[in-house]
Amino acid sequence: MAVSPSSSVQRARQQLAERLREIRLDACLTARALSAAAGWHEAKTSRIESAKQALTDADIQAWCRVCGAQREAPDLIAASRAADSMYVEWRRLTRTGLRHTQDARRPLYERTRLFKVYCSTVVPGFLQTPAYASALLLANSGFHATPDDVDDAVRARMNRNRIVQSPGHQFAMLIEEAVLRYRLGGAETMAGQLGHLLESLALPAVTLGVIPFSANGRSMWTLETFTVFDDSRVHVELLSAQVTVTAPSEITLYVRAFERLAGIAVYGPQARALIASAIDALG
């Protein structure tokens, strides 16, 4: 079982483990007795109750059967699956290709009113050009060895990105100045992407801030890419996985980090000047 970098995931698993222990105690069973009846080693029961054991549906069903609590099984299985979905490795998300991950997010995007996006390495997906997205997804596909459906994934991303110009949505986006300098797909691709960023500054639903190299008073370090959805859910993108954060205390931390980073970003003419300078540097 992968160790999650998010305590939201571990907290959900811990709550499930505590509920299973309560069910065992209510059934007046020792850990040894439950293990023997379930047909596994007592160490497994200990790992389950300490949230260190990855649970299968069959494990939960066996636990409930032994404890005479079969009615509890469906809800516990649902809770286990929900906890697992909070930390999903990219290899699992992309096992059938990259397009699925683009399409799967559309319902969440369509119901979100306010997006807060921070990117330290690449242009936010919402503002990517087809050529830039193609170069990025091709690199990701090669690194993670996913099925090659980059063309379909790019089309799906572009269709999804129409939401930026749909009524009822607002986008607050922050990028580090380094994003303007990292080259993906060559000079021509970058020139087109940076030009698109300049055009995006005029979109009524978009507020784009650039955190300059020269920013003073930086009290926040460079973070991993994250998106906050209506201040009620956060997606964090790691090298190995996507983490979904739902614990209110953790969401508050990400919102606070976004606000601090927004405070040192530049906007409007100053952001335009940084983008134009990056275009000039392409030669």
C-alpha atoms as a PDB file:
ATOM      1  CA  MET A   1       0.000   0.000   0.000  1.00  0.00           C
ATOM      2  CA  ALA A   2       1.431   3.365  -1.007  1.00  0.00           C
ATOM      3  CA  VAL A   3       2.100   5.807   1.801  1.00  0.00           C
ATOM      4  CA  SER A   4      -0.019   8.878   1.194  1.00  0.00           C
ATOM      5  CA  PRO A   5       1.453  12.358   1.534  1.00  0.00           C
ATOM      6  CA  SER A   6      -1.980  13.587   2.595  1.00  0.00           C
ATOM      7  CA  SER A   7      -3.264  13.085   6.114  1.00  0.00           C
ATOM      8  CA  SER A   8      -6.812  13.262   4.697  1.00  0.00           C
ATOM      9  CA  VAL A   9      -6.271   9.844   3.176  1.00  0.00           C
ATOM     10  CA  GLN A  10      -4.741   8.373   6.312  1.00  0.00           C
ATOM     11  CA  ARG A  11      -7.499   9.879   8.451  1.00  0.00           C
ATOM     12  CA  ALA A  12     -10.170   8.196   6.318  1.00  0.00           C
ATOM     13  CA  ARG A  13      -8.384   4.868   6.579  1.00  0.00           C
ATOM     14  CA  GLN A  14      -7.948   5.305  10.320  1.00  0.00           C
ATOM     15  CA  GLN A  15     -11.659   5.946  10.785  1.00  0.00           C
ATOM     16  CA  LEU A  16     -12.457   2.768   8.866  1.00  0.00           C
ATOM     17  CA  ALA A  17      -9.977   0.796  10.970  1.00  0.00           C
ATOM     18  CA  GLU A  18     -11.501   2.138  14.185  1.00  0.00           C
ATOM     19  CA  ARG A  19     -14.985   1.137  13.028  1.00  0.00           C
ATOM     20  CA  LEU A  20     -13.827  -2.404  12.269  1.00  0.00           C
ATOM     21  CA  ARG A  21     -12.286  -2.664  15.725  1.00  0.00           C
ATOM     22  CA  GLU A  22     -15.539  -1.467  17.302  1.00  0.00           C
ATOM     23  CA  ILE A  23     -17.453  -4.147  15.386  1.00  0.00           C
ATOM     24  CA  ARG A  24     -15.043  -6.822  16.683  1.00  0.00           C
ATOM     25  CA  LEU A  25     -15.372  -5.603  20.270  1.00  0.00           C
ATOM     26  CA  ASP A  26     -19.169  -5.427  19.999  1.00  0.00           C
ATOM     27  CA  ALA A  27     -19.080  -9.067  18.926  1.00  0.00           C
ATOM     28  CA  CYS A  28     -17.013  -9.893  22.048  1.00  0.00           C
ATOM     29  CA  LEU A  29     -14.208 -11.368  19.929  1.00  0.00           C
ATOM     30  CA  THR A  30     -10.508 -11.174  20.591  1.00  0.00           C
ATOM     31  CA  ALA A  31      -8.203 -10.358  17.704  1.00  0.00           C
ATOM     32  CA  ARG A  32      -6.961 -13.958  17.830  1.00  0.00           C
ATOM     33  CA  ALA A  33     -10.472 -15.387  17.658  1.00  0.00           C
ATOM     34  CA  LEU A  34     -11.466 -13.170  14.737  1.00  0.00           C
ATOM     35  CA  SER A  35      -8.274 -14.056  12.874  1.00  0.00           C
ATOM     36  CA  ALA A  36      -8.831 -17.771  13.322  1.00  0.00           C
ATOM     37  CA  ALA A  37     -12.454 -17.550  12.164  1.00  0.00           C
ATOM     38  CA  ALA A  38     -11.527 -15.402   9.155  1.00  0.00           C
ATOM     39  CA  GLY A  39      -8.696 -17.731   8.185  1.00  0.00           C
ATOM     40  CA  TRP A  40      -5.768 -15.342   8.365  1.00  0.00           C
ATOM     41  CA  HIS A  41      -2.838 -14.608  10.663  1.00  0.00           C
ATOM     42  CA  GLU A  42      -3.408 -12.538  13.791  1.00  0.00           C
ATOM     43  CA  ALA A  43      -0.812 -10.036  12.523  1.00  0.00           C
ATOM     44  CA  LYS A  44      -3.163  -9.155   9.672  1.00  0.00           C
ATOM     45  CA  THR A  45      -5.913  -8.229  12.109  1.00  0.00           C
ATOM     46  CA  SER A  46      -3.456  -6.032  13.983  1.00  0.00           C
ATOM     47  CA  ARG A  47      -2.413  -4.301  10.753  1.00  0.00           C
ATOM     48  CA  ILE A  48      -6.061  -3.755   9.762  1.00  0.00           C
ATOM     49  CA  GLU A  49      -6.925  -2.189  13.117  1.00  0.00           C
ATOM     50  CA  SER A  50      -3.899   0.087  12.941  1.00  0.00           C
ATOM     51  CA  ALA A  51      -4.771   1.168   9.362  1.00  0.00           C
ATOM     52  CA  LYS A  52      -1.549  -0.349   8.022  1.00  0.00           C
ATOM     53  CA  GLN A  53      -3.186  -3.077   5.935  1.00  0.00           C
ATOM     54  CA  ALA A  54      -4.712  -2.455   2.522  1.00  0.00           C
ATOM     55  CA  LEU A  55      -8.274  -3.782   2.685  1.00  0.00           C
ATOM     56  CA  THR A  56     -10.061  -5.718  -0.026  1.00  0.00           C
ATOM     57  CA  ASP A  57     -13.818  -6.040  -0.295  1.00  0.00           C
ATOM     58  CA  ALA A  58     -13.407  -9.706   0.660  1.00  0.00           C
ATOM     59  CA  ASP A  59     -11.520  -8.766   3.850  1.00  0.00           C
ATOM     60  CA  ILE A  60     -14.341  -6.476   4.959  1.00  0.00           C
ATOM     61  CA  GLN A  61     -17.001  -9.048   4.103  1.00  0.00           C
ATOM     62  CA  ALA A  62     -15.147 -11.742   6.072  1.00  0.00           C
ATOM     63  CA  TRP A  63     -14.705  -9.427   9.064  1.00  0.00           C
ATOM     64  CA  CYS A  64     -18.388  -8.556   9.158  1.00  0.00           C
ATOM     65  CA  ARG A  65     -19.450 -12.175   8.655  1.00  0.00           C
ATOM     66  CA  VAL A  66     -17.328 -13.405  11.556  1.00  0.00           C
ATOM     67  CA  CYS A  67     -18.679 -10.610  13.774  1.00  0.00           C
ATOM     68  CA  GLY A  68     -22.281 -11.169  12.743  1.00  0.00           C
ATOM     69  CA  ALA A  69     -22.446  -7.676  11.247  1.00  0.00           C
ATOM     70  CA  GLN A  70     -23.094  -8.451   7.585  1.00  0.00           C
ATOM     71  CA  ARG A  71     -25.379  -5.421   7.284  1.00  0.00           C
ATOM     72  CA  GLU A  72     -22.396  -3.173   7.965  1.00  0.00           C
ATOM     73  CA  ALA A  73     -20.381  -4.541   5.048  1.00  0.00           C
ATOM     74  CA  PRO A  74     -21.774  -2.443   2.150  1.00  0.00           C
ATOM     75  CA  ASP A  75     -21.198   0.873   3.929  1.00  0.00           C
ATOM     76  CA  LEU A  76     -17.724  -0.157   5.055  1.00  0.00           C
ATOM     77  CA  ILE A  77     -16.788  -1.275   1.550  1.00  0.00           C
ATOM     78  CA  ALA A  78     -18.005   2.060   0.192  1.00  0.00           C
ATOM     79  CA  ALA A  79     -15.919   3.912   2.812  1.00  0.00           C
ATOM     80  CA  SER A  80     -12.861   1.847   1.921  1.00  0.00           C
ATOM     81  CA  ARG A  81     -13.249   2.598  -1.775  1.00  0.00           C
ATOM     82  CA  ALA A  82     -13.707   6.303  -1.046  1.00  0.00           C
ATOM     83  CA  ALA A  83     -10.467   6.364   0.980  1.00  0.00           C
ATOM     84  CA  ASP A  84      -8.620   4.586  -1.831  1.00  0.00           C
ATOM     85  CA  SER A  85      -9.922   7.091  -4.377  1.00  0.00           C
ATOM     86  CA  MET A  86      -8.312   9.948  -2.422  1.00  0.00           C
ATOM     87  CA  TYR A  87      -4.814   8.746  -3.390  1.00  0.00           C
ATOM     88  CA  VAL A  88      -4.709   7.376  -6.914  1.00  0.00           C
ATOM     89  CA  GLU A  89      -1.450   6.536  -8.636  1.00  0.00           C
ATOM     90  CA  TRP A  90      -1.095   7.905 -12.169  1.00  0.00           C
ATOM     91  CA  ARG A  91      -0.394   4.391 -13.474  1.00  0.00           C
ATOM     92  CA  ARG A  92      -3.850   3.408 -12.248  1.00  0.00           C
ATOM     93  CA  LEU A  93      -5.525   6.573 -13.558  1.00  0.00           C
ATOM     94  CA  THR A  94      -3.890   6.235 -16.968  1.00  0.00           C
ATOM     95  CA  ARG A  95      -3.830   2.466 -17.436  1.00  0.00           C
ATOM     96  CA  THR A  96      -6.193   2.795 -20.427  1.00  0.00           C
ATOM     97  CA  GLY A  97      -4.607   6.007 -21.684  1.00  0.00           C
ATOM     98  CA  LEU A  98      -4.664   9.720 -20.951  1.00  0.00           C
ATOM     99  CA  ARG A  99      -8.021  10.640 -22.444  1.00  0.00           C
ATOM    100  CA  HIS A 100      -9.951   8.998 -19.629  1.00  0.00           C
ATOM    101  CA  THR A 101      -8.439  11.335 -17.025  1.00  0.00           C
ATOM    102  CA  GLN A 102      -9.541  14.342 -19.091  1.00  0.00           C
ATOM    103  CA  ASP A 103     -13.116  13.131 -19.511  1.00  0.00           C
ATOM    104  CA  ALA A 104     -13.461  11.889 -15.920  1.00  0.00           C
ATOM    105  CA  ARG A 105     -12.941  15.370 -14.481  1.00  0.00           C
ATOM    106  CA  ARG A 106     -15.586  17.136 -16.541  1.00  0.00           C
ATOM    107  CA  PRO A 107     -18.500  16.691 -14.087  1.00  0.00           C
ATOM    108  CA  LEU A 108     -16.436  18.186 -11.253  1.00  0.00           C
ATOM    109  CA  TYR A 109     -15.307  21.058 -13.451  1.00  0.00           C
ATOM    110  CA  GLU A 110     -18.815  21.790 -14.681  1.00  0.00           C
ATOM    111  CA  ARG A 111     -20.272  22.085 -11.171  1.00  0.00           C
ATOM    112  CA  THR A 112     -17.396  24.150  -9.755  1.00  0.00           C
ATOM    113  CA  ARG A 113     -18.033  27.895  -9.597  1.00  0.00           C
ATOM    114  CA  LEU A 114     -14.609  29.122  -8.423  1.00  0.00           C
ATOM    115  CA  PHE A 115     -11.301  27.502  -9.334  1.00  0.00           C
ATOM    116  CA  LYS A 116      -8.049  28.462  -7.624  1.00  0.00           C
ATOM    117  CA  VAL A 117      -5.083  27.040  -9.520  1.00  0.00           C
ATOM    118  CA  TYR A 118      -1.386  27.181  -8.645  1.00  0.00           C
ATOM    119  CA  CYS A 119       1.254  25.845 -11.041  1.00  0.00           C
ATOM    120  CA  SER A 120       4.988  26.007 -10.463  1.00  0.00           C
ATOM    121  CA  THR A 121       6.234  24.060 -13.504  1.00  0.00           C
ATOM    122  CA  VAL A 122       3.756  24.136 -16.406  1.00  0.00           C
ATOM    123  CA  VAL A 123       0.975  26.313 -17.792  1.00  0.00           C
ATOM    124  CA  PRO A 124      -2.368  25.460 -16.140  1.00  0.00           C
ATOM    125  CA  GLY A 125      -4.310  22.956 -18.216  1.00  0.00           C
ATOM    126  CA  PHE A 126      -7.192  25.409 -18.622  1.00  0.00           C
ATOM    127  CA  LEU A 127      -4.945  27.790 -20.573  1.00  0.00           C
ATOM    128  CA  GLN A 128      -2.907  25.337 -22.647  1.00  0.00           C
ATOM    129  CA  THR A 129      -2.758  25.439 -26.439  1.00  0.00           C
ATOM    130  CA  PRO A 130      -3.162  22.181 -28.371  1.00  0.00           C
ATOM    131  CA  ALA A 131       0.544  22.119 -29.306  1.00  0.00           C
ATOM    132  CA  TYR A 132       1.691  22.747 -25.731  1.00  0.00           C
ATOM    133  CA  ALA A 133      -0.752  20.199 -24.316  1.00  0.00           C
ATOM    134  CA  SER A 134       0.405  17.672 -26.896  1.00  0.00           C
ATOM    135  CA  ALA A 135       4.068  18.138 -25.950  1.00  0.00           C
ATOM    136  CA  LEU A 136       3.266  17.877 -22.239  1.00  0.00           C
ATOM    137  CA  LEU A 137       0.993  14.845 -22.502  1.00  0.00           C
ATOM    138  CA  LEU A 138       3.428  13.107 -24.851  1.00  0.00           C
ATOM    139  CA  ALA A 139       6.194  13.568 -22.282  1.00  0.00           C
ATOM    140  CA  ASN A 140       3.929  12.257 -19.507  1.00  0.00           C
ATOM    141  CA  SER A 141       2.830   9.320 -21.618  1.00  0.00           C
ATOM    142  CA  GLY A 142       6.421   8.371 -22.324  1.00  0.00           C
ATOM    143  CA  PHE A 143       7.530   8.713 -18.715  1.00  0.00           C
ATOM    144  CA  HIS A 144       4.635   6.730 -17.251  1.00  0.00           C
ATOM    145  CA  ALA A 145       4.543   4.278 -20.190  1.00  0.00           C
ATOM    146  CA  THR A 146       0.807   4.717 -20.753  1.00  0.00           C
ATOM    147  CA  PRO A 147      -1.083   3.668 -23.894  1.00  0.00           C
ATOM    148  CA  ASP A 148      -0.496   6.221 -26.653  1.00  0.00           C
ATOM    149  CA  ASP A 149      -3.739   8.148 -27.038  1.00  0.00           C
ATOM    150  CA  VAL A 150      -2.201  11.627 -26.810  1.00  0.00           C
ATOM    151  CA  ASP A 151      -4.130  13.023 -29.781  1.00  0.00           C
ATOM    152  CA  ASP A 152      -7.452  11.947 -28.262  1.00  0.00           C
ATOM    153  CA  ALA A 153      -6.392  13.264 -24.847  1.00  0.00           C
ATOM    154  CA  VAL A 154      -5.489  16.669 -26.315  1.00  0.00           C
ATOM    155  CA  ARG A 155      -8.853  16.935 -28.065  1.00  0.00           C
ATOM    156  CA  ALA A 156     -10.604  16.004 -24.827  1.00  0.00           C
ATOM    157  CA  ARG A 157      -8.620  18.645 -22.927  1.00  0.00           C
ATOM    158  CA  MET A 158      -9.431  21.336 -25.469  1.00  0.00           C
ATOM    159  CA  ASN A 159     -13.134  20.442 -25.327  1.00  0.00           C
ATOM    160  CA  ARG A 160     -12.997  20.568 -21.544  1.00  0.00           C
ATOM    161  CA  ASN A 161     -11.233  23.923 -21.608  1.00  0.00           C
ATOM    162  CA  ARG A 162     -14.237  25.596 -23.217  1.00  0.00           C
ATOM    163  CA  ILE A 163     -15.486  25.946 -19.659  1.00  0.00           C
ATOM    164  CA  VAL A 164     -13.143  28.939 -19.289  1.00  0.00           C
ATOM    165  CA  GLN A 165     -15.473  30.900 -21.544  1.00  0.00           C
ATOM    166  CA  SER A 166     -18.702  29.432 -20.170  1.00  0.00           C
ATOM    167  CA  PRO A 167     -20.876  31.570 -17.879  1.00  0.00           C
ATOM    168  CA  GLY A 168     -20.995  30.824 -14.174  1.00  0.00           C
ATOM    169  CA  HIS A 169     -17.320  30.000 -13.606  1.00  0.00           C
ATOM    170  CA  GLN A 170     -14.403  32.061 -12.301  1.00  0.00           C
ATOM    171  CA  PHE A 171     -10.723  31.137 -12.512  1.00  0.00           C
ATOM    172  CA  ALA A 172      -8.014  32.545 -10.254  1.00  0.00           C
ATOM    173  CA  MET A 173      -4.677  31.218 -11.520  1.00  0.00           C
ATOM    174  CA  LEU A 174      -1.136  31.640 -10.304  1.00  0.00           C
ATOM    175  CA  ILE A 175       2.043  30.581 -12.059  1.00  0.00           C
ATOM    176  CA  GLU A 176       5.696  30.980 -11.160  1.00  0.00           C
ATOM    177  CA  GLU A 177       7.737  32.997 -13.642  1.00  0.00           C
ATOM    178  CA  ALA A 178       9.732  29.824 -14.288  1.00  0.00           C
ATOM    179  CA  VAL A 179       6.672  28.406 -16.069  1.00  0.00           C
ATOM    180  CA  LEU A 180       7.203  31.028 -18.761  1.00  0.00           C
ATOM    181  CA  ARG A 181      10.777  29.868 -19.273  1.00  0.00           C
ATOM    182  CA  TYR A 182      10.463  26.073 -19.220  1.00  0.00           C
ATOM    183  CA  ARG A 183      10.423  24.984 -22.859  1.00  0.00           C
ATOM    184  CA  LEU A 184       7.972  22.319 -23.940  1.00  0.00           C
ATOM    185  CA  GLY A 185       7.742  21.354 -27.606  1.00  0.00           C
ATOM    186  CA  GLY A 186      10.333  23.824 -28.824  1.00  0.00           C
ATOM    187  CA  ALA A 187      10.447  27.569 -29.423  1.00  0.00           C
ATOM    188  CA  GLU A 188       7.480  27.690 -31.804  1.00  0.00           C
ATOM    189  CA  THR A 189       5.229  25.805 -29.416  1.00  0.00           C
ATOM    190  CA  MET A 190       6.305  28.003 -26.518  1.00  0.00           C
ATOM    191  CA  ALA A 191       5.781  31.194 -28.526  1.00  0.00           C
ATOM    192  CA  GLY A 192       2.243  30.098 -29.358  1.00  0.00           C
ATOM    193  CA  GLN A 193       1.562  29.160 -25.743  1.00  0.00           C
ATOM    194  CA  LEU A 194       2.913  32.409 -24.328  1.00  0.00           C
ATOM    195  CA  GLY A 195       0.938  34.362 -26.902  1.00  0.00           C
ATOM    196  CA  HIS A 196      -2.175  32.532 -25.765  1.00  0.00           C
ATOM    197  CA  LEU A 197      -1.403  33.511 -22.170  1.00  0.00           C
ATOM    198  CA  LEU A 198      -1.313  37.149 -23.247  1.00  0.00           C
ATOM    199  CA  GLU A 199      -4.742  36.728 -24.828  1.00  0.00           C
ATOM    200  CA  SER A 200      -6.014  34.987 -21.685  1.00  0.00           C
ATOM    201  CA  LEU A 201      -5.319  38.095 -19.630  1.00  0.00           C
ATOM    202  CA  ALA A 202      -8.326  39.655 -21.325  1.00  0.00           C
ATOM    203  CA  LEU A 203     -10.764  36.833 -20.507  1.00  0.00           C
ATOM    204  CA  PRO A 204     -13.415  38.171 -18.100  1.00  0.00           C
ATOM    205  CA  ALA A 205     -13.573  34.945 -16.075  1.00  0.00           C
ATOM    206  CA  VAL A 206      -9.801  34.612 -15.660  1.00  0.00           C
ATOM    207  CA  THR A 207      -7.446  36.313 -13.228  1.00  0.00           C
ATOM    208  CA  LEU A 208      -3.874  35.318 -14.016  1.00  0.00           C
ATOM    209  CA  GLY A 209      -1.046  36.211 -11.668  1.00  0.00           C
ATOM    210  CA  VAL A 210       2.657  35.623 -12.272  1.00  0.00           C
ATOM    211  CA  ILE A 211       5.004  35.280  -9.310  1.00  0.00           C
ATOM    212  CA  PRO A 212       8.235  36.909 -10.501  1.00  0.00           C
ATOM    213  CA  PHE A 213      11.719  35.638  -9.758  1.00  0.00           C
ATOM    214  CA  SER A 214      12.309  38.979  -8.049  1.00  0.00           C
ATOM    215  CA  ALA A 215       9.295  38.766  -5.722  1.00  0.00           C
ATOM    216  CA  ASN A 216      10.084  40.186  -2.294  1.00  0.00           C
ATOM    217  CA  GLY A 217       8.665  38.974   0.975  1.00  0.00           C
ATOM    218  CA  ARG A 218       8.097  35.401  -0.192  1.00  0.00           C
ATOM    219  CA  SER A 219       6.774  33.605   2.866  1.00  0.00           C
ATOM    220  CA  MET A 220       5.674  30.536   0.899  1.00  0.00           C
ATOM    221  CA  TRP A 221       8.049  28.130  -0.802  1.00  0.00           C
ATOM    222  CA  THR A 222       7.391  26.737  -4.272  1.00  0.00           C
ATOM    223  CA  LEU A 223       4.669  24.109  -3.975  1.00  0.00           C
ATOM    224  CA  GLU A 224       3.387  21.222  -6.013  1.00  0.00           C
ATOM    225  CA  THR A 225       0.628  21.978  -8.502  1.00  0.00           C
ATOM    226  CA  PHE A 226      -2.790  22.134  -6.863  1.00  0.00           C
ATOM    227  CA  THR A 227      -6.349  23.146  -7.705  1.00  0.00           C
ATOM    228  CA  VAL A 228      -8.951  24.263  -5.175  1.00  0.00           C
ATOM    229  CA  PHE A 229     -12.578  23.663  -6.129  1.00  0.00           C
ATOM    230  CA  ASP A 230     -15.015  26.074  -4.451  1.00  0.00           C
ATOM    231  CA  ASP A 231     -12.853  25.990  -1.300  1.00  0.00           C
ATOM    232  CA  SER A 232     -14.320  22.549  -0.576  1.00  0.00           C
ATOM    233  CA  ARG A 233     -11.953  20.145  -2.310  1.00  0.00           C
ATOM    234  CA  VAL A 234      -8.316  20.194  -3.440  1.00  0.00           C
ATOM    235  CA  HIS A 235      -6.507  18.134  -6.066  1.00  0.00           C
ATOM    236  CA  VAL A 236      -2.752  17.906  -5.586  1.00  0.00           C
ATOM    237  CA  GLU A 237      -0.604  16.581  -8.417  1.00  0.00           C
ATOM    238  CA  LEU A 238       2.466  14.591  -7.393  1.00  0.00           C
ATOM    239  CA  LEU A 239       4.960  12.761  -9.579  1.00  0.00           C
ATOM    240  CA  SER A 240       3.410   9.417  -8.730  1.00  0.00           C
ATOM    241  CA  ALA A 241      -0.226  10.181  -7.950  1.00  0.00           C
ATOM    242  CA  GLN A 242      -3.142  12.545  -7.658  1.00  0.00           C
ATOM    243  CA  VAL A 243      -4.214  13.264  -4.093  1.00  0.00           C
ATOM    244  CA  THR A 244      -7.704  14.491  -3.245  1.00  0.00           C
ATOM    245  CA  VAL A 245      -7.886  16.556  -0.069  1.00  0.00           C
ATOM    246  CA  THR A 246     -11.287  16.911   1.614  1.00  0.00           C
ATOM    247  CA  ALA A 247     -10.463  17.522   5.288  1.00  0.00           C
ATOM    248  CA  PRO A 248     -11.547  21.110   6.098  1.00  0.00           C
ATOM    249  CA  SER A 249      -8.366  21.851   8.065  1.00  0.00           C
ATOM    250  CA  GLU A 250      -6.164  20.842   5.128  1.00  0.00           C
ATOM    251  CA  ILE A 251      -8.288  22.700   2.587  1.00  0.00           C
ATOM    252  CA  THR A 252      -7.845  25.794   4.746  1.00  0.00           C
ATOM    253  CA  LEU A 253      -4.060  25.391   4.498  1.00  0.00           C
ATOM    254  CA  TYR A 254      -4.152  25.235   0.698  1.00  0.00           C
ATOM    255  CA  VAL A 255      -6.475  28.231   0.490  1.00  0.00           C
ATOM    256  CA  ARG A 256      -4.176  30.166   2.815  1.00  0.00           C
ATOM    257  CA  ALA A 257      -1.130  29.183   0.748  1.00  0.00           C
ATOM    258  CA  PHE A 258      -2.902  30.331  -2.411  1.00  0.00           C
ATOM    259  CA  GLU A 259      -3.779  33.677  -0.854  1.00  0.00           C
ATOM    260  CA  ARG A 260      -0.202  34.269   0.281  1.00  0.00           C
ATOM    261  CA  LEU A 261       1.194  33.372  -3.128  1.00  0.00           C
ATOM    262  CA  ALA A 262      -1.420  35.597  -4.782  1.00  0.00           C
ATOM    263  CA  GLY A 263      -0.185  38.448  -2.615  1.00  0.00           C
ATOM    264  CA  ILE A 264       3.297  38.382  -4.154  1.00  0.00           C
ATOM    265  CA  ALA A 265       2.155  37.832  -7.751  1.00  0.00           C
ATOM    266  CA  VAL A 266       1.885  40.567 -10.355  1.00  0.00           C
ATOM    267  CA  TYR A 267      -1.108  41.108 -12.598  1.00  0.00           C
ATOM    268  CA  GLY A 268      -2.233  43.086 -15.627  1.00  0.00           C
ATOM    269  CA  PRO A 269       0.514  45.156 -17.318  1.00  0.00           C
ATOM    270  CA  GLN A 270       3.247  43.716 -15.059  1.00  0.00           C
ATOM    271  CA  ALA A 271       2.241  40.130 -15.828  1.00  0.00           C
ATOM    272  CA  ARG A 272       2.002  41.022 -19.507  1.00  0.00           C
ATOM    273  CA  ALA A 273       5.544  42.410 -19.400  1.00  0.00           C
ATOM    274  CA  LEU A 274       6.928  39.183 -17.900  1.00  0.00           C
ATOM    275  CA  ILE A 275       5.197  37.081 -20.556  1.00  0.00           C
ATOM    276  CA  ALA A 276       6.401  39.367 -23.343  1.00  0.00           C
ATOM    277  CA  SER A 277       9.952  39.152 -21.988  1.00  0.00           C
ATOM    278  CA  ALA A 278       9.769  35.343 -22.070  1.00  0.00           C
ATOM    279  CA  ILE A 279       8.607  35.510 -25.691  1.00  0.00           C
ATOM    280  CA  ASP A 280      11.521  37.787 -26.579  1.00  0.00           C
ATOM    281  CA  ALA A 281      13.927  35.351 -24.917  1.00  0.00           C
ATOM    282  CA  LEU A 282      12.877  32.615 -27.343  1.00  0.00           C
ATOM    283  CA  GLY A 283      14.910  34.444 -30.017  1.00  0.00           C
END
